[in-house]
C-alpha atoms as a PDB file:
ATOM      1  CA  MET A   1     -73.342 -24.082 -42.691  1.00  0.00           C
ATOM      2  CA  ASN A   2     -70.546 -26.145 -41.116  1.00  0.00           C
ATOM      3  CA  ALA A   3     -70.625 -29.393 -39.176  1.00  0.00           C
ATOM      4  CA  THR A   4     -70.643 -29.326 -35.388  1.00  0.00           C
ATOM      5  CA  VAL A   5     -68.567 -31.668 -33.253  1.00  0.00           C
ATOM      6  CA  GLU A   6     -71.801 -33.305 -32.094  1.00  0.00           C
ATOM      7  CA  GLN A   7     -72.740 -34.052 -35.699  1.00  0.00           C
ATOM      8  CA  ALA A   8     -69.241 -35.381 -36.370  1.00  0.00           C
ATOM      9  CA  ALA A   9     -69.547 -37.757 -33.413  1.00  0.00           C
ATOM     10  CA  ARG A  10     -72.824 -39.149 -34.764  1.00  0.00           C
ATOM     11  CA  VAL A  11     -71.432 -40.047 -38.200  1.00  0.00           C
ATOM     12  CA  ALA A  12     -70.384 -43.553 -37.105  1.00  0.00           C
ATOM     13  CA  SER A  13     -69.727 -45.582 -33.976  1.00  0.00           C
ATOM     14  CA  LEU A  14     -66.210 -46.011 -32.626  1.00  0.00           C
ATOM     15  CA  ALA A  15     -67.366 -47.843 -29.526  1.00  0.00           C
ATOM     16  CA  GLY A  16     -64.558 -49.848 -27.942  1.00  0.00           C
ATOM     17  CA  LYS A  17     -61.870 -48.479 -30.270  1.00  0.00           C
ATOM     18  CA  ILE A  18     -58.468 -47.372 -28.984  1.00  0.00           C
ATOM     19  CA  VAL A  19     -57.322 -44.206 -30.765  1.00  0.00           C
ATOM     20  CA  LEU A  20     -54.192 -42.064 -30.770  1.00  0.00           C
ATOM     21  CA  VAL A  21     -54.263 -38.575 -32.301  1.00  0.00           C
ATOM     22  CA  THR A  22     -51.074 -36.584 -32.831  1.00  0.00           C
ATOM     23  CA  GLY A  23     -51.040 -32.806 -32.616  1.00  0.00           C
ATOM     24  CA  ALA A  24     -54.306 -32.796 -30.656  1.00  0.00           C
ATOM     25  CA  THR A  25     -53.691 -29.855 -28.324  1.00  0.00           C
ATOM     26  CA  SER A  26     -54.484 -26.688 -30.328  1.00  0.00           C
ATOM     27  CA  THR A  27     -57.800 -25.037 -29.503  1.00  0.00           C
ATOM     28  CA  PHE A  28     -60.264 -25.492 -32.418  1.00  0.00           C
ATOM     29  CA  GLY A  29     -57.548 -27.331 -34.399  1.00  0.00           C
ATOM     30  CA  ILE A  30     -58.280 -30.411 -36.502  1.00  0.00           C
ATOM     31  CA  GLY A  31     -56.457 -32.748 -34.110  1.00  0.00           C
ATOM     32  CA  ARG A  32     -58.214 -31.532 -30.983  1.00  0.00           C
ATOM     33  CA  VAL A  33     -61.682 -31.478 -32.528  1.00  0.00           C
ATOM     34  CA  SER A  34     -61.147 -34.896 -34.122  1.00  0.00           C
ATOM     35  CA  ALA A  35     -60.054 -36.309 -30.761  1.00  0.00           C
ATOM     36  CA  LEU A  36     -63.180 -34.889 -29.142  1.00  0.00           C
ATOM     37  CA  ALA A  37     -65.502 -36.226 -31.853  1.00  0.00           C
ATOM     38  CA  MET A  38     -63.907 -39.681 -31.763  1.00  0.00           C
ATOM     39  CA  ALA A  39     -64.236 -39.857 -27.996  1.00  0.00           C
ATOM     40  CA  MET A  40     -67.866 -38.773 -28.223  1.00  0.00           C
ATOM     41  CA  ALA A  41     -68.341 -41.561 -30.804  1.00  0.00           C
ATOM     42  CA  GLY A  42     -67.264 -44.089 -28.173  1.00  0.00           C
ATOM     43  CA  ALA A  43     -63.486 -44.406 -28.546  1.00  0.00           C
ATOM     44  CA  TYR A  44     -60.852 -44.197 -25.835  1.00  0.00           C
ATOM     45  CA  VAL A  45     -58.505 -41.478 -27.095  1.00  0.00           C
ATOM     46  CA  TYR A  46     -54.836 -40.920 -26.417  1.00  0.00           C
ATOM     47  CA  VAL A  47     -54.361 -37.188 -26.878  1.00  0.00           C
ATOM     48  CA  THR A  48     -50.776 -36.350 -27.817  1.00  0.00           C
ATOM     49  CA  GLY A  49     -48.732 -33.217 -28.311  1.00  0.00           C
ATOM     50  CA  ARG A  50     -45.686 -31.387 -27.075  1.00  0.00           C
ATOM     51  CA  LYS A  51     -47.441 -29.253 -24.434  1.00  0.00           C
ATOM     52  CA  SER A  52     -48.776 -30.984 -21.352  1.00  0.00           C
ATOM     53  CA  ASP A  53     -50.976 -28.065 -20.255  1.00  0.00           C
ATOM     54  CA  SER A  54     -52.757 -27.885 -23.624  1.00  0.00           C
ATOM     55  CA  GLY A  55     -53.043 -31.666 -23.648  1.00  0.00           C
ATOM     56  CA  ALA A  56     -54.704 -31.585 -20.249  1.00  0.00           C
ATOM     57  CA  GLU A  57     -57.203 -29.041 -21.594  1.00  0.00           C
ATOM     58  CA  THR A  58     -58.104 -31.374 -24.464  1.00  0.00           C
ATOM     59  CA  VAL A  59     -58.545 -34.311 -22.084  1.00  0.00           C
ATOM     60  CA  ALA A  60     -60.709 -32.181 -19.783  1.00  0.00           C
ATOM     61  CA  GLU A  61     -62.898 -31.129 -22.712  1.00  0.00           C
ATOM     62  CA  ILE A  62     -63.332 -34.772 -23.751  1.00  0.00           C
ATOM     63  CA  GLU A  63     -64.218 -35.853 -20.219  1.00  0.00           C
ATOM     64  CA  ALA A  64     -66.678 -32.964 -19.836  1.00  0.00           C
ATOM     65  CA  ALA A  65     -68.442 -34.288 -22.960  1.00  0.00           C
ATOM     66  CA  GLY A  66     -68.684 -37.762 -21.420  1.00  0.00           C
ATOM     67  CA  GLY A  67     -65.715 -39.293 -23.258  1.00  0.00           C
ATOM     68  CA  LYS A  68     -62.587 -41.051 -22.045  1.00  0.00           C
ATOM     69  CA  ALA A  69     -59.043 -39.921 -22.796  1.00  0.00           C
ATOM     70  CA  SER A  70     -55.540 -39.479 -21.443  1.00  0.00           C
ATOM     71  CA  PHE A  71     -52.559 -37.385 -22.507  1.00  0.00           C
ATOM     72  CA  LEU A  72     -49.194 -38.636 -23.758  1.00  0.00           C
ATOM     73  CA  LYS A  73     -46.370 -36.195 -24.422  1.00  0.00           C
ATOM     74  CA  LEU A  74     -45.200 -36.771 -27.990  1.00  0.00           C
ATOM     75  CA  ASP A  75     -42.998 -34.793 -30.341  1.00  0.00           C
ATOM     76  CA  VAL A  76     -43.642 -36.723 -33.552  1.00  0.00           C
ATOM     77  CA  THR A  77     -40.163 -35.985 -34.894  1.00  0.00           C
ATOM     78  CA  LEU A  78     -38.465 -37.755 -31.970  1.00  0.00           C
ATOM     79  CA  GLU A  79     -38.108 -41.510 -32.263  1.00  0.00           C
ATOM     80  CA  SER A  80     -37.611 -41.792 -28.502  1.00  0.00           C
ATOM     81  CA  ASP A  81     -40.987 -40.123 -27.877  1.00  0.00           C
ATOM     82  CA  TRP A  82     -42.736 -42.611 -30.163  1.00  0.00           C
ATOM     83  CA  ILE A  83     -41.094 -45.522 -28.355  1.00  0.00           C
ATOM     84  CA  GLU A  84     -42.238 -44.205 -24.970  1.00  0.00           C
ATOM     85  CA  ALA A  85     -45.748 -43.392 -26.184  1.00  0.00           C
ATOM     86  CA  MET A  86     -46.287 -46.805 -27.741  1.00  0.00           C
ATOM     87  CA  ALA A  87     -44.958 -48.502 -24.609  1.00  0.00           C
ATOM     88  CA  ALA A  88     -47.552 -46.585 -22.584  1.00  0.00           C
ATOM     89  CA  VAL A  89     -50.353 -47.590 -24.970  1.00  0.00           C
ATOM     90  CA  ARG A  90     -49.224 -51.217 -24.869  1.00  0.00           C
ATOM     91  CA  GLU A  91     -49.147 -51.252 -21.067  1.00  0.00           C
ATOM     92  CA  GLN A  92     -52.508 -49.531 -20.596  1.00  0.00           C
ATOM     93  CA  SER A  93     -54.558 -50.827 -23.539  1.00  0.00           C
ATOM     94  CA  GLY A  94     -52.638 -53.692 -25.125  1.00  0.00           C
ATOM     95  CA  ARG A  95     -53.421 -52.567 -28.649  1.00  0.00           C
ATOM     96  CA  LEU A  96     -54.134 -49.600 -30.915  1.00  0.00           C
ATOM     97  CA  ASP A  97     -57.034 -49.593 -33.379  1.00  0.00           C
ATOM     98  CA  ILE A  98     -56.766 -46.155 -34.970  1.00  0.00           C
ATOM     99  CA  LEU A  99     -53.851 -43.769 -35.499  1.00  0.00           C
ATOM    100  CA  VAL A 100     -54.552 -40.233 -36.689  1.00  0.00           C
ATOM    101  CA  ASN A 101     -51.335 -38.605 -37.945  1.00  0.00           C
ATOM    102  CA  ASN A 102     -52.374 -34.975 -37.652  1.00  0.00           C
ATOM    103  CA  ALA A 103     -49.339 -33.098 -36.326  1.00  0.00           C
ATOM    104  CA  GLY A 104     -47.845 -30.732 -38.890  1.00  0.00           C
ATOM    105  CA  ASN A 105     -46.956 -27.180 -39.776  1.00  0.00           C
ATOM    106  CA  ALA A 106     -46.914 -24.815 -42.753  1.00  0.00           C
ATOM    107  CA  PHE A 107     -45.407 -21.592 -44.004  1.00  0.00           C
ATOM    108  CA  TYR A 108     -45.104 -19.883 -47.364  1.00  0.00           C
ATOM    109  CA  VAL A 109     -41.916 -18.194 -48.624  1.00  0.00           C
ATOM    110  CA  PRO A 110     -40.879 -17.452 -52.241  1.00  0.00           C
ATOM    111  CA  ILE A 111     -38.617 -20.199 -53.553  1.00  0.00           C
ATOM    112  CA  GLU A 112     -35.662 -17.866 -54.078  1.00  0.00           C
ATOM    113  CA  GLU A 113     -35.851 -16.873 -50.394  1.00  0.00           C
ATOM    114  CA  MET A 114     -36.489 -20.349 -48.966  1.00  0.00           C
ATOM    115  CA  PRO A 115     -33.538 -21.580 -46.859  1.00  0.00           C
ATOM    116  CA  LEU A 116     -32.760 -25.270 -47.118  1.00  0.00           C
ATOM    117  CA  GLU A 117     -33.182 -25.759 -43.394  1.00  0.00           C
ATOM    118  CA  SER A 118     -36.827 -24.677 -43.705  1.00  0.00           C
ATOM    119  CA  VAL A 119     -37.425 -27.301 -46.375  1.00  0.00           C
ATOM    120  CA  TRP A 120     -35.934 -29.974 -44.148  1.00  0.00           C
ATOM    121  CA  TYR A 121     -37.888 -28.744 -41.118  1.00  0.00           C
ATOM    122  CA  LEU A 122     -41.226 -29.339 -42.836  1.00  0.00           C
ATOM    123  CA  ALA A 123     -40.033 -32.619 -44.323  1.00  0.00           C
ATOM    124  CA  HIS A 124     -39.050 -33.858 -40.859  1.00  0.00           C
ATOM    125  CA  LEU A 125     -42.327 -32.779 -39.311  1.00  0.00           C
ATOM    126  CA  ASN A 126     -44.876 -33.492 -42.041  1.00  0.00           C
ATOM    127  CA  ILE A 127     -43.336 -36.628 -43.561  1.00  0.00           C
ATOM    128  CA  GLU A 128     -40.993 -38.120 -40.985  1.00  0.00           C
ATOM    129  CA  GLY A 129     -43.439 -37.538 -38.121  1.00  0.00           C
ATOM    130  CA  ALA A 130     -46.125 -39.569 -39.909  1.00  0.00           C
ATOM    131  CA  PHE A 131     -43.592 -42.190 -40.991  1.00  0.00           C
ATOM    132  CA  LEU A 132     -42.535 -42.758 -37.387  1.00  0.00           C
ATOM    133  CA  GLY A 133     -46.189 -43.060 -36.442  1.00  0.00           C
ATOM    134  CA  HIS A 134     -46.732 -45.801 -39.008  1.00  0.00           C
ATOM    135  CA  THR A 135     -43.503 -47.526 -37.970  1.00  0.00           C
ATOM    136  CA  TYR A 136     -44.099 -47.611 -34.233  1.00  0.00           C
ATOM    137  CA  ALA A 137     -47.888 -47.919 -34.136  1.00  0.00           C
ATOM    138  CA  TRP A 138     -48.249 -50.848 -36.546  1.00  0.00           C
ATOM    139  CA  PRO A 139     -46.944 -53.517 -34.143  1.00  0.00           C
ATOM    140  CA  LEU A 140     -49.818 -52.572 -31.794  1.00  0.00           C
ATOM    141  CA  MET A 141     -52.417 -52.589 -34.583  1.00  0.00           C
ATOM    142  CA  LYS A 142     -53.026 -56.319 -34.388  1.00  0.00           C
ATOM    143  CA  ASP A 143     -56.773 -56.604 -34.831  1.00  0.00           C
ATOM    144  CA  PRO A 144     -58.190 -56.794 -38.369  1.00  0.00           C
ATOM    145  CA  GLY A 145     -59.698 -53.476 -39.339  1.00  0.00           C
ATOM    146  CA  ALA A 146     -57.045 -51.220 -37.814  1.00  0.00           C
ATOM    147  CA  VAL A 147     -56.782 -47.839 -39.533  1.00  0.00           C
ATOM    148  CA  VAL A 148     -54.263 -45.055 -40.049  1.00  0.00           C
ATOM    149  CA  VAL A 149     -55.692 -41.680 -41.075  1.00  0.00           C
ATOM    150  CA  ASP A 150     -53.014 -39.317 -42.392  1.00  0.00           C
ATOM    151  CA  ILE A 151     -54.163 -35.692 -42.271  1.00  0.00           C
ATOM    152  CA  ASN A 152     -52.705 -34.156 -45.424  1.00  0.00           C
ATOM    153  CA  SER A 153     -53.949 -31.134 -47.412  1.00  0.00           C
ATOM    154  CA  VAL A 154     -55.049 -30.254 -50.923  1.00  0.00           C
ATOM    155  CA  ALA A 155     -51.637 -28.555 -50.884  1.00  0.00           C
ATOM    156  CA  GLY A 156     -50.150 -32.019 -51.372  1.00  0.00           C
ATOM    157  CA  GLN A 157     -51.876 -32.307 -54.745  1.00  0.00           C
ATOM    158  CA  ARG A 158     -50.913 -29.035 -56.454  1.00  0.00           C
ATOM    159  CA  GLY A 159     -48.472 -26.137 -56.405  1.00  0.00           C
ATOM    160  CA  SER A 160     -48.825 -22.516 -55.342  1.00  0.00           C
ATOM    161  CA  VAL A 161     -46.858 -19.311 -54.989  1.00  0.00           C
ATOM    162  CA  GLY A 162     -44.461 -19.608 -52.064  1.00  0.00           C
ATOM    163  CA  GLY A 163     -45.471 -23.170 -51.295  1.00  0.00           C
ATOM    164  CA  THR A 164     -42.260 -24.972 -52.226  1.00  0.00           C
ATOM    165  CA  SER A 165     -41.421 -26.437 -48.829  1.00  0.00           C
ATOM    166  CA  TYR A 166     -44.952 -26.999 -47.514  1.00  0.00           C
ATOM    167  CA  ARG A 167     -46.429 -28.494 -50.635  1.00  0.00           C
ATOM    168  CA  SER A 168     -43.354 -30.641 -51.202  1.00  0.00           C
ATOM    169  CA  SER A 169     -43.725 -32.069 -47.720  1.00  0.00           C
ATOM    170  CA  LYS A 170     -47.428 -32.766 -48.174  1.00  0.00           C
ATOM    171  CA  GLY A 171     -46.754 -34.380 -51.545  1.00  0.00           C
ATOM    172  CA  GLY A 172     -44.238 -36.629 -49.827  1.00  0.00           C
ATOM    173  CA  LEU A 173     -46.817 -37.498 -47.163  1.00  0.00           C
ATOM    174  CA  LEU A 174     -49.254 -38.521 -49.894  1.00  0.00           C
ATOM    175  CA  GLY A 175     -46.661 -40.909 -51.320  1.00  0.00           C
ATOM    176  CA  LEU A 176     -46.137 -42.358 -47.844  1.00  0.00           C
ATOM    177  CA  SER A 177     -49.881 -42.917 -47.369  1.00  0.00           C
ATOM    178  CA  ARG A 178     -50.280 -44.646 -50.729  1.00  0.00           C
ATOM    179  CA  ALA A 179     -47.341 -46.968 -50.153  1.00  0.00           C
ATOM    180  CA  ALA A 180     -48.433 -47.738 -46.596  1.00  0.00           C
ATOM    181  CA  ALA A 181     -51.920 -48.667 -47.831  1.00  0.00           C
ATOM    182  CA  ILE A 182     -50.326 -51.384 -49.939  1.00  0.00           C
ATOM    183  CA  ASP A 183     -47.953 -52.523 -47.196  1.00  0.00           C
ATOM    184  CA  GLY A 184     -50.898 -52.694 -44.809  1.00  0.00           C
ATOM    185  CA  ARG A 185     -52.321 -55.689 -46.623  1.00  0.00           C
ATOM    186  CA  ARG A 186     -50.113 -58.037 -44.613  1.00  0.00           C
ATOM    187  CA  GLN A 187     -51.569 -56.859 -41.309  1.00  0.00           C
ATOM    188  CA  GLY A 188     -55.036 -55.913 -42.541  1.00  0.00           C
ATOM    189  CA  ILE A 189     -54.386 -52.223 -41.841  1.00  0.00           C
ATOM    190  CA  ARG A 190     -56.189 -49.581 -43.900  1.00  0.00           C
ATOM    191  CA  VAL A 191     -54.542 -46.226 -44.649  1.00  0.00           C
ATOM    192  CA  VAL A 192     -56.482 -43.181 -45.815  1.00  0.00           C
ATOM    193  CA  SER A 193     -55.127 -39.745 -46.765  1.00  0.00           C
ATOM    194  CA  VAL A 194     -57.451 -36.865 -45.805  1.00  0.00           C
ATOM    195  CA  HIS A 195     -56.997 -33.601 -47.716  1.00  0.00           C
ATOM    196  CA  PRO A 196     -58.684 -30.540 -46.234  1.00  0.00           C
ATOM    197  CA  GLY A 197     -58.922 -27.405 -48.315  1.00  0.00           C
ATOM    198  CA  GLY A 198     -59.240 -23.979 -46.713  1.00  0.00           C
ATOM    199  CA  THR A 199     -60.015 -24.751 -43.070  1.00  0.00           C
ATOM    200  CA  TRP A 200     -60.078 -22.244 -40.227  1.00  0.00           C
ATOM    201  CA  THR A 201     -57.558 -23.545 -37.695  1.00  0.00           C
ATOM    202  CA  PRO A 202     -54.885 -21.968 -35.472  1.00  0.00           C
ATOM    203  CA  GLY A 203     -52.352 -22.724 -38.210  1.00  0.00           C
ATOM    204  CA  MET A 204     -54.462 -20.973 -40.839  1.00  0.00           C
ATOM    205  CA  GLU A 205     -54.907 -18.012 -38.527  1.00  0.00           C
ATOM    206  CA  ARG A 206     -51.140 -17.753 -38.097  1.00  0.00           C
ATOM    207  CA  VAL A 207     -50.151 -18.300 -41.737  1.00  0.00           C
ATOM    208  CA  ARG A 208     -52.812 -16.303 -43.582  1.00  0.00           C
ATOM    209  CA  GLY A 209     -55.028 -14.341 -41.199  1.00  0.00           C
ATOM    210  CA  ARG A 210     -58.810 -14.108 -41.302  1.00  0.00           C
ATOM    211  CA  GLU A 211     -59.180 -11.592 -44.120  1.00  0.00           C
ATOM    212  CA  ALA A 212     -56.908 -13.419 -46.596  1.00  0.00           C
ATOM    213  CA  TYR A 213     -58.460 -16.748 -45.623  1.00  0.00           C
ATOM    214  CA  GLU A 214     -62.026 -15.575 -46.217  1.00  0.00           C
ATOM    215  CA  GLN A 215     -61.070 -14.011 -49.531  1.00  0.00           C
ATOM    216  CA  GLY A 216     -59.566 -17.309 -50.675  1.00  0.00           C
ATOM    217  CA  VAL A 217     -62.443 -19.577 -49.661  1.00  0.00           C
ATOM    218  CA  ARG A 218     -65.039 -17.339 -51.308  1.00  0.00           C
ATOM    219  CA  ASN A 219     -63.726 -18.680 -54.621  1.00  0.00           C
ATOM    220  CA  THR A 220     -64.628 -22.298 -53.816  1.00  0.00           C
ATOM    221  CA  PRO A 221     -67.824 -23.716 -55.366  1.00  0.00           C
ATOM    222  CA  LEU A 222     -69.494 -23.716 -51.931  1.00  0.00           C
ATOM    223  CA  GLY A 223     -68.307 -20.176 -51.348  1.00  0.00           C
ATOM    224  CA  ARG A 224     -67.105 -20.842 -47.822  1.00  0.00           C
ATOM    225  CA  GLY A 225     -64.331 -22.580 -45.924  1.00  0.00           C
ATOM    226  CA  ALA A 226     -64.369 -25.572 -43.624  1.00  0.00           C
ATOM    227  CA  GLU A 227     -64.059 -25.737 -39.870  1.00  0.00           C
ATOM    228  CA  SER A 228     -62.307 -28.446 -37.899  1.00  0.00           C
ATOM    229  CA  ALA A 229     -65.549 -30.327 -37.200  1.00  0.00           C
ATOM    230  CA  ASP A 230     -66.072 -30.764 -40.964  1.00  0.00           C
ATOM    231  CA  ILE A 231     -62.774 -32.627 -41.088  1.00  0.00           C
ATOM    232  CA  ALA A 232     -63.506 -34.516 -37.873  1.00  0.00           C
ATOM    233  CA  ALA A 233     -66.749 -35.865 -39.364  1.00  0.00           C
ATOM    234  CA  ALA A 234     -64.770 -37.446 -42.198  1.00  0.00           C
ATOM    235  CA  VAL A 235     -62.155 -38.791 -39.791  1.00  0.00           C
ATOM    236  CA  VAL A 236     -64.818 -40.500 -37.671  1.00  0.00           C
ATOM    237  CA  TYR A 237     -66.342 -42.157 -40.726  1.00  0.00           C
ATOM    238  CA  LEU A 238     -63.062 -43.214 -42.351  1.00  0.00           C
ATOM    239  CA  ALA A 239     -61.764 -44.658 -39.069  1.00  0.00           C
ATOM    240  CA  SER A 240     -64.947 -46.622 -38.425  1.00  0.00           C
ATOM    241  CA  ASP A 241     -65.942 -50.133 -39.449  1.00  0.00           C
ATOM    242  CA  ALA A 242     -68.522 -48.555 -41.765  1.00  0.00           C
ATOM    243  CA  ALA A 243     -65.601 -47.583 -44.038  1.00  0.00           C
ATOM    244  CA  GLN A 244     -63.786 -50.914 -43.882  1.00  0.00           C
ATOM    245  CA  HIS A 245     -63.523 -51.150 -47.675  1.00  0.00           C
ATOM    246  CA  VAL A 246     -62.118 -47.617 -48.032  1.00  0.00           C
ATOM    247  CA  ASN A 247     -58.348 -47.809 -48.412  1.00  0.00           C
ATOM    248  CA  GLY A 248     -55.479 -46.037 -50.142  1.00  0.00           C
ATOM    249  CA  ILE A 249     -57.512 -43.049 -51.281  1.00  0.00           C
ATOM    250  CA  GLU A 250     -57.155 -39.272 -51.249  1.00  0.00           C
ATOM    251  CA  TYR A 251     -60.253 -37.946 -49.481  1.00  0.00           C
ATOM    252  CA  ASN A 252     -60.689 -34.274 -50.325  1.00  0.00           C
ATOM    253  CA  ILE A 253     -62.730 -31.981 -48.059  1.00  0.00           C
ATOM    254  CA  ASP A 254     -62.418 -28.705 -49.906  1.00  0.00           C
ATOM    255  CA  GLY A 255     -65.859 -27.349 -50.724  1.00  0.00           C
ATOM    256  CA  GLY A 256     -65.476 -28.468 -54.340  1.00  0.00           C
ATOM    257  CA  GLU A 257     -62.181 -26.639 -54.949  1.00  0.00           C
ATOM    258  CA  SER A 258     -60.623 -29.743 -56.535  1.00  0.00           C
ATOM    259  CA  ALA A 259     -63.460 -29.899 -59.074  1.00  0.00           C
ATOM    260  CA  ARG A 260     -62.082 -26.886 -60.899  1.00  0.00           C
END
């Protein structure tokens, strides 16, 4: 009923591509599964995250599947980390073809109980983290056909109870992606905003729990939620040369939820 990582890897070829994925260390998370699928599709993948041990696990999983990868420690909210990471990519590979801005977080609190610092926390992580990625990766994205895939959410397109800070941050990320797609014309860089709906990830497990999650996704037209490989399949396609005329769009992967 859901895509497998093997199916995601077969969607398109990424042979010879140099890829960096942020937030790629959580088991069965979108970043980790996307990194695995992209490596299996032929890319060399820089796995990044804040935890070296989890990063090493992702790299080991990629190598066990026959792919090539290495880990770079990267807190996307720290400009110094981006500078060091891009210097490492430049030294080792000389260029970057694909950036997947996946790192992010979410929580839901009623607006009257939401402290301002929580709003700024998600803005820093979900908007500023991706902004820094665009800023520091673009000088390495020299070859025509370079791509940035911003992992957003259907939450960036509509409101919900308790979603003030999270949905505001994802709405801001959508604005960033749209503007960057236009700015990218000068360098020939495409930018695509990917919007998963209900997807079973470590973040979803923490924020909602299995029972609430399953109750929510039963109301989608497909009657089920997504898994990380469903998102990874779209990422592989959108990052590939097969999608070279796809730019500046919101790509929803929500089981038809947005059709309502």
